[in-house]
Amino acid sequence: MNWIILIIAGLFEVAFAFCLGKAKLATGNEMYMWYGGFLVCLLASMTLLIKATESLPLGTAYAVWTGIGAVGTVLLGILVFKEPASFWRIFFIVTLISSIIGLKVVSHT
């Protein structure tokens, strides 16, 4: 169950990065709404990360959480914000995903 909580925490990390990107493009009240979404997602992500680390090793949980956030944010950048999808960016995303899976496999919880 804590692995599911950790994955959800990572998805909220992607969501708060998305809100930052949208806030950067917005003006006026819309910008403040995106910043509000950022704060809500940040709080949810941190709360779930804390909950997950109650039974998962801290180093593994943190690495998986940041990895999910990094991969998700890069993919959002490519798909939503039209950032370049070069061979090397995709190669290193795949490498990062492989590392996250490896950490899960070698973890004993």
N, C-alpha and C. Protein backbone atom coordinates (compact mmCIF):
# COMPACT_ATOMS: atom_id res chain seq x y z
N MET A 1 0.82 -1.21 0.00
CA MET A 1 0.00 0.00 0.00
C MET A 1 0.86 1.26 0.00
N ASN A 2 1.99 1.22 0.72
CA ASN A 2 2.83 2.41 0.77
C ASN A 2 3.49 2.73 -0.57
N TRP A 3 3.68 1.71 -1.41
CA TRP A 3 4.19 1.99 -2.75
C TRP A 3 3.16 2.75 -3.57
N ILE A 4 1.90 2.43 -3.41
CA ILE A 4 0.83 3.15 -4.11
C ILE A 4 0.77 4.58 -3.61
N ILE A 5 0.86 4.77 -2.31
CA ILE A 5 0.88 6.12 -1.73
C ILE A 5 2.06 6.91 -2.29
N LEU A 6 3.21 6.26 -2.41
CA LEU A 6 4.40 6.94 -2.94
C LEU A 6 4.21 7.33 -4.40
N ILE A 7 3.61 6.47 -5.19
CA ILE A 7 3.35 6.79 -6.60
C ILE A 7 2.40 7.97 -6.70
N ILE A 8 1.36 7.98 -5.88
CA ILE A 8 0.42 9.10 -5.88
C ILE A 8 1.14 10.39 -5.47
N ALA A 9 2.02 10.30 -4.48
CA ALA A 9 2.80 11.47 -4.06
C ALA A 9 3.64 11.99 -5.22
N GLY A 10 4.25 11.08 -5.99
CA GLY A 10 5.03 11.47 -7.16
C GLY A 10 4.17 12.14 -8.22
N LEU A 11 2.95 11.65 -8.40
CA LEU A 11 2.04 12.27 -9.37
C LEU A 11 1.63 13.68 -8.93
N PHE A 12 1.47 13.87 -7.62
CA PHE A 12 1.19 15.22 -7.13
C PHE A 12 2.41 16.13 -7.33
N GLU A 13 3.61 15.56 -7.29
CA GLU A 13 4.79 16.36 -7.59
C GLU A 13 4.76 16.83 -9.05
N VAL A 14 4.37 15.96 -9.94
CA VAL A 14 4.21 16.34 -11.35
C VAL A 14 3.14 17.42 -11.47
N ALA A 15 2.06 17.26 -10.73
CA ALA A 15 0.97 18.24 -10.78
C ALA A 15 1.43 19.61 -10.31
N PHE A 16 2.26 19.67 -9.24
CA PHE A 16 2.68 21.00 -8.79
C PHE A 16 3.66 21.63 -9.77
N ALA A 17 4.45 20.82 -10.45
CA ALA A 17 5.33 21.37 -11.49
C ALA A 17 4.49 21.89 -12.67
N PHE A 18 3.44 21.16 -13.01
CA PHE A 18 2.53 21.59 -14.08
C PHE A 18 1.90 22.93 -13.72
N CYS A 19 1.44 23.06 -12.48
CA CYS A 19 0.84 24.33 -12.04
C CYS A 19 1.84 25.48 -12.14
N LEU A 20 3.10 25.22 -11.82
CA LEU A 20 4.11 26.27 -11.96
C LEU A 20 4.26 26.69 -13.42
N GLY A 21 4.28 25.71 -14.30
CA GLY A 21 4.39 26.02 -15.73
C GLY A 21 3.22 26.83 -16.24
N LYS A 22 2.02 26.45 -15.81
CA LYS A 22 0.82 27.18 -16.24
C LYS A 22 0.78 28.58 -15.62
N ALA A 23 1.22 28.71 -14.37
CA ALA A 23 1.24 30.03 -13.72
C ALA A 23 2.19 30.97 -14.45
N LYS A 24 3.28 30.42 -14.94
CA LYS A 24 4.26 31.23 -15.66
C LYS A 24 3.66 31.82 -16.94
N LEU A 25 2.71 31.10 -17.53
CA LEU A 25 2.09 31.55 -18.77
C LEU A 25 0.85 32.41 -18.54
N ALA A 26 0.34 32.45 -17.32
CA ALA A 26 -0.92 33.14 -17.02
C ALA A 26 -0.66 34.54 -16.46
N THR A 27 -1.73 35.32 -16.40
CA THR A 27 -1.67 36.65 -15.79
C THR A 27 -2.90 36.84 -14.91
N GLY A 28 -2.84 37.84 -14.05
CA GLY A 28 -3.98 38.22 -13.22
C GLY A 28 -4.43 37.11 -12.28
N ASN A 29 -5.75 37.01 -12.12
CA ASN A 29 -6.33 36.03 -11.20
C ASN A 29 -6.03 34.60 -11.60
N GLU A 30 -5.96 34.35 -12.89
CA GLU A 30 -5.65 32.99 -13.36
C GLU A 30 -4.29 32.54 -12.83
N MET A 31 -3.32 33.44 -12.83
CA MET A 31 -1.99 33.11 -12.32
C MET A 31 -2.07 32.71 -10.84
N TYR A 32 -2.83 33.46 -10.06
CA TYR A 32 -2.96 33.16 -8.64
C TYR A 32 -3.68 31.83 -8.41
N MET A 33 -4.61 31.49 -9.27
CA MET A 33 -5.29 30.20 -9.15
C MET A 33 -4.30 29.05 -9.41
N TRP A 34 -3.43 29.22 -10.40
CA TRP A 34 -2.42 28.19 -10.66
C TRP A 34 -1.45 28.08 -9.49
N TYR A 35 -1.08 29.21 -8.89
CA TYR A 35 -0.21 29.15 -7.71
C TYR A 35 -0.93 28.49 -6.53
N GLY A 36 -2.24 28.71 -6.41
CA GLY A 36 -3.02 28.02 -5.38
C GLY A 36 -3.02 26.52 -5.62
N GLY A 37 -3.19 26.12 -6.88
CA GLY A 37 -3.11 24.70 -7.23
C GLY A 37 -1.74 24.12 -6.91
N PHE A 38 -0.70 24.92 -7.15
CA PHE A 38 0.66 24.51 -6.80
C PHE A 38 0.76 24.20 -5.32
N LEU A 39 0.24 25.11 -4.47
CA LEU A 39 0.34 24.91 -3.03
C LEU A 39 -0.44 23.68 -2.56
N VAL A 40 -1.62 23.48 -3.12
CA VAL A 40 -2.42 22.31 -2.75
C VAL A 40 -1.70 21.02 -3.15
N CYS A 41 -1.18 20.98 -4.37
CA CYS A 41 -0.47 19.78 -4.84
C CYS A 41 0.82 19.56 -4.05
N LEU A 42 1.51 20.63 -3.71
CA LEU A 42 2.72 20.52 -2.92
C LEU A 42 2.42 19.92 -1.55
N LEU A 43 1.39 20.43 -0.90
CA LEU A 43 0.99 19.91 0.41
C LEU A 43 0.59 18.43 0.32
N ALA A 44 -0.18 18.08 -0.69
CA ALA A 44 -0.61 16.69 -0.85
C ALA A 44 0.61 15.79 -1.11
N SER A 45 1.51 16.24 -1.97
CA SER A 45 2.69 15.44 -2.29
C SER A 45 3.56 15.20 -1.07
N MET A 46 3.83 16.25 -0.31
CA MET A 46 4.68 16.12 0.88
C MET A 46 4.01 15.26 1.95
N THR A 47 2.70 15.43 2.14
CA THR A 47 1.99 14.64 3.14
C THR A 47 2.04 13.15 2.78
N LEU A 48 1.81 12.84 1.52
CA LEU A 48 1.85 11.43 1.10
C LEU A 48 3.27 10.87 1.15
N LEU A 49 4.26 11.69 0.83
CA LEU A 49 5.66 11.23 0.94
C LEU A 49 5.99 10.90 2.39
N ILE A 50 5.58 11.76 3.30
CA ILE A 50 5.81 11.49 4.73
C ILE A 50 5.15 10.19 5.13
N LYS A 51 3.91 9.98 4.69
CA LYS A 51 3.19 8.75 5.02
C LYS A 51 3.90 7.53 4.46
N ALA A 52 4.38 7.61 3.23
CA ALA A 52 5.06 6.48 2.60
C ALA A 52 6.36 6.13 3.30
N THR A 53 7.06 7.14 3.81
CA THR A 53 8.35 6.87 4.45
C THR A 53 8.22 6.30 5.86
N GLU A 54 6.99 6.16 6.34
CA GLU A 54 6.80 5.50 7.63
C GLU A 54 7.21 4.03 7.57
N SER A 55 7.08 3.41 6.40
CA SER A 55 7.44 2.00 6.30
C SER A 55 8.43 1.70 5.17
N LEU A 56 8.64 2.63 4.25
CA LEU A 56 9.62 2.42 3.18
C LEU A 56 10.94 3.08 3.56
N PRO A 57 12.06 2.54 3.08
CA PRO A 57 13.34 3.18 3.36
C PRO A 57 13.35 4.61 2.79
N LEU A 58 13.82 5.55 3.58
CA LEU A 58 13.79 6.96 3.19
C LEU A 58 14.53 7.20 1.88
N GLY A 59 15.73 6.66 1.75
CA GLY A 59 16.52 6.88 0.53
C GLY A 59 15.82 6.37 -0.71
N THR A 60 15.25 5.19 -0.62
CA THR A 60 14.53 4.61 -1.75
C THR A 60 13.27 5.40 -2.06
N ALA A 61 12.50 5.71 -1.04
CA ALA A 61 11.25 6.45 -1.24
C ALA A 61 11.51 7.82 -1.86
N TYR A 62 12.51 8.51 -1.36
CA TYR A 62 12.81 9.85 -1.88
C TYR A 62 13.28 9.77 -3.33
N ALA A 63 14.13 8.79 -3.63
CA ALA A 63 14.63 8.64 -5.00
C ALA A 63 13.49 8.30 -5.96
N VAL A 64 12.59 7.43 -5.55
CA VAL A 64 11.45 7.07 -6.40
C VAL A 64 10.53 8.28 -6.57
N TRP A 65 10.26 9.00 -5.49
CA TRP A 65 9.40 10.19 -5.55
C TRP A 65 9.97 11.24 -6.51
N THR A 66 11.24 11.55 -6.37
CA THR A 66 11.84 12.55 -7.26
C THR A 66 11.93 12.02 -8.69
N GLY A 67 12.16 10.72 -8.83
CA GLY A 67 12.21 10.14 -10.17
C GLY A 67 10.88 10.23 -10.89
N ILE A 68 9.80 9.91 -10.18
CA ILE A 68 8.46 10.03 -10.77
C ILE A 68 8.21 11.49 -11.15
N GLY A 69 8.59 12.39 -10.27
CA GLY A 69 8.41 13.82 -10.55
C GLY A 69 9.22 14.28 -11.75
N ALA A 70 10.46 13.81 -11.83
CA ALA A 70 11.33 14.22 -12.94
C ALA A 70 10.82 13.68 -14.27
N VAL A 71 10.52 12.40 -14.30
CA VAL A 71 10.03 11.79 -15.54
C VAL A 71 8.70 12.42 -15.95
N GLY A 72 7.79 12.53 -15.01
CA GLY A 72 6.49 13.12 -15.32
C GLY A 72 6.58 14.56 -15.79
N THR A 73 7.45 15.33 -15.15
CA THR A 73 7.60 16.73 -15.53
C THR A 73 8.22 16.87 -16.92
N VAL A 74 9.20 16.04 -17.23
CA VAL A 74 9.80 16.09 -18.57
C VAL A 74 8.76 15.70 -19.62
N LEU A 75 8.00 14.64 -19.34
CA LEU A 75 6.97 14.22 -20.30
C LEU A 75 5.90 15.30 -20.48
N LEU A 76 5.49 15.94 -19.37
CA LEU A 76 4.54 17.07 -19.49
C LEU A 76 5.14 18.20 -20.31
N GLY A 77 6.42 18.47 -20.08
CA GLY A 77 7.08 19.53 -20.85
C GLY A 77 7.03 19.23 -22.34
N ILE A 78 7.28 17.98 -22.68
CA ILE A 78 7.27 17.59 -24.09
C ILE A 78 5.85 17.62 -24.66
N LEU A 79 4.90 17.04 -23.93
CA LEU A 79 3.54 16.89 -24.46
C LEU A 79 2.70 18.15 -24.35
N VAL A 80 2.86 18.91 -23.27
CA VAL A 80 1.99 20.07 -23.04
C VAL A 80 2.67 21.39 -23.40
N PHE A 81 3.92 21.53 -22.98
CA PHE A 81 4.60 22.81 -23.16
C PHE A 81 5.50 22.84 -24.39
N LYS A 82 5.40 21.80 -25.22
CA LYS A 82 6.08 21.74 -26.52
C LYS A 82 7.60 21.86 -26.41
N GLU A 83 8.18 21.28 -25.36
CA GLU A 83 9.63 21.23 -25.24
C GLU A 83 10.18 20.17 -26.19
N PRO A 84 11.44 20.27 -26.59
CA PRO A 84 11.98 19.31 -27.56
C PRO A 84 12.06 17.89 -26.99
N ALA A 85 11.84 16.92 -27.88
CA ALA A 85 11.91 15.50 -27.51
C ALA A 85 13.07 14.87 -28.27
N SER A 86 14.28 15.27 -27.92
CA SER A 86 15.46 14.76 -28.62
C SER A 86 15.75 13.32 -28.20
N PHE A 87 16.58 12.65 -28.98
CA PHE A 87 16.97 11.28 -28.68
C PHE A 87 17.54 11.18 -27.28
N TRP A 88 18.44 12.09 -26.91
CA TRP A 88 19.11 12.00 -25.62
C TRP A 88 18.17 12.24 -24.46
N ARG A 89 17.21 13.13 -24.62
CA ARG A 89 16.23 13.35 -23.55
C ARG A 89 15.42 12.08 -23.32
N ILE A 90 14.96 11.45 -24.39
CA ILE A 90 14.19 10.20 -24.27
C ILE A 90 15.07 9.09 -23.70
N PHE A 91 16.31 9.01 -24.16
CA PHE A 91 17.24 7.99 -23.67
C PHE A 91 17.41 8.10 -22.15
N PHE A 92 17.62 9.31 -21.66
CA PHE A 92 17.84 9.48 -20.22
C PHE A 92 16.56 9.33 -19.41
N ILE A 93 15.41 9.63 -20.00
CA ILE A 93 14.15 9.36 -19.32
C ILE A 93 13.99 7.85 -19.13
N VAL A 94 14.28 7.08 -20.18
CA VAL A 94 14.19 5.62 -20.09
C VAL A 94 15.18 5.10 -19.06
N THR A 95 16.38 5.67 -19.02
CA THR A 95 17.38 5.28 -18.03
C THR A 95 16.87 5.56 -16.62
N LEU A 96 16.24 6.71 -16.43
CA LEU A 96 15.71 7.07 -15.12
C LEU A 96 14.58 6.13 -14.70
N ILE A 97 13.69 5.82 -15.63
CA ILE A 97 12.60 4.89 -15.34
C ILE A 97 13.17 3.52 -14.95
N SER A 98 14.18 3.07 -15.66
CA SER A 98 14.82 1.79 -15.33
C SER A 98 15.42 1.82 -13.93
N SER A 99 16.00 2.93 -13.56
CA SER A 99 16.58 3.07 -12.22
C SER A 99 15.50 3.04 -11.14
N ILE A 100 14.38 3.69 -11.39
CA ILE A 100 13.27 3.68 -10.42
C ILE A 100 12.76 2.26 -10.24
N ILE A 101 12.57 1.55 -11.34
CA ILE A 101 12.11 0.15 -11.26
C ILE A 101 13.15 -0.69 -10.50
N GLY A 102 14.42 -0.45 -10.78
CA GLY A 102 15.48 -1.18 -10.08
C GLY A 102 15.45 -0.94 -8.59
N LEU A 103 15.23 0.28 -8.17
CA LEU A 103 15.12 0.57 -6.74
C LEU A 103 13.95 -0.15 -6.10
N LYS A 104 12.84 -0.21 -6.80
CA LYS A 104 11.68 -0.93 -6.28
C LYS A 104 11.99 -2.42 -6.16
N VAL A 105 12.66 -2.98 -7.15
CA VAL A 105 12.95 -4.41 -7.15
C VAL A 105 13.88 -4.80 -6.01
N VAL A 106 14.89 -3.98 -5.74
CA VAL A 106 15.87 -4.34 -4.70
C VAL A 106 15.44 -3.91 -3.30
N SER A 107 14.35 -3.15 -3.20
CA SER A 107 13.86 -2.77 -1.89
C SER A 107 13.20 -3.97 -1.23
N HIS A 108 13.38 -4.11 0.06
CA HIS A 108 12.87 -5.28 0.78
C HIS A 108 11.55 -5.02 1.48
N THR A 109 10.86 -3.93 1.13
CA THR A 109 9.56 -3.67 1.77
C THR A 109 8.47 -3.57 0.74
